[in-house]
Amino acid sequence: SSAFLKVVTEVFPAPETPHKTSFMEKTFVQQMACLMLFESVDVDCSGEASWMEFVEFVCAIAEELRLQAAEESGQTFEFTEAEQVALPFRPQVTKCHFDRVFFWPQHPIDSALVFEEGQPAAHLHFPKTMVRRRRVEGGHRQELLSACFMPAPFQWVVTSGNDSLVCFWDENFNLVKRWSLDHVWTGEKGKVTSIGAMCWCPEIKALYAADHFSEMVRAWRIESQLDVRASESAFEPDKRLELRKHSTHTKSVQAICWMSALKCLATASSDTTVQIFDLVQMKRMHLLSGHKRGLTCLQYCEKNHMLLSCGFDNYICIWDPGAGTLSSTLLGHECSIAGLCALPHTDYEYMSVDFEGQVRLWDVRRLVCLQNFCATDKQAEKNGEVEPLEPRAICALGT
């Protein structure tokens, strides 16, 4: 009512603005703020609010704000004391933010591979303490984009950068070979490109790679280490492994996942779709549409026969890759999801992090969130005590 607005507006702070405003304009802004704040006070939609309704509304808002402030204190994630940490522990200062983190339990060197933003070299970190072990350089000239592991008999890591290069590293992270992505890869004379996502398919000895700037996905057949070591330039992509005739992606592919039990390859794209290809029959099996925004993450749960996908939506889709149907949706994040990873020692637990730093632990068997906590101290960030966290990836470090 007008009487309510008149009373409440008097206690509202006047808007502060560098521009000159009249008294009527300031009053209008105050009244609009009042209406927006108390628009839900009439809970029974009677057209008027009693004093008790007003008091209950204010108390409910106060309790909601109190719970939001205390949300971080309710963490239930159990942390164990790390071994071999020299006290006091001070992490080494990096040049810039971590951009990607990789950890392969089968790799001979027990280390996490970290890409830093804008850096042409990677770093190896001890997984238990994240203390920097050594620098891996000499391969790329510009920032790194992706990496994948080729297990025995190779025991190699393959990296790609924004310099149109693909580098092969041996088990000690010594450079084996550097390939340039020229017209042999792009199929157009004079045109070069970069690889944005890669996946090794051991059963068929194929390395699939997705173009960073287009929807193209191609593959190299790599039979042995000697073939790569003896090569003078990049192999020509194997036309028998081409997906171009079957893929209908309209934007770049951001993630590739090999499902060994099905002998199928899954691709997730910025065009919001997931596509599954049978590499035995060499045809597309399913086109999965359940997202509204671009995708960046794929994870295959072989034990439970599930394919998980997420990205700029605030939810995770669980698919049946054999039937090509949506099994369930995991809800809980309030903004876009930055990363998704499987936890070691289990076949059914996955962890996701969104761009606000909220981390959720999921049980995909029971389709529930087991734990929810914040990856940083928001109050300390607000007070300027710590540098604000910009979540970009999540990786489980463990064997």
Foldseek 3Di string as FASTA:
>chain_A
DVVVLVVVLVPDDFDDDPDDDDPVVSSVVSSVVVCVVCVCLPVVPPVDHDPVSVVVVVVVVVVVVVCVVCVQVPFDDDDDDFPPADPPHDADDDPAAWFDWDADPQQPDQWIWTFGPWDQKIFTARLRRRHTDGIQDDAGDTGWAEKDADHPPFSWIWTKHQRQKIWIAGSVNDTQDIAGAACLNVVDHPDGFTFREWDADVVQQKIWTWTPWFQFIFIDRDDDPVVRNPDPHDDRTDPLLGCVVADDDGGTWQYKDQQNVQCWIWTFFQVQWIWIARSVVGHTDEIAHDDDGGWHDWDALNVVQWIWTFFFDQKIWIANVVVRGTDDIQHDGPGGWQEKDDEPPDRFWIWTARQQQKIWIAGRVVSDTPTIHGNDDPVCCVVVNDPDDGDHYDDHRDD
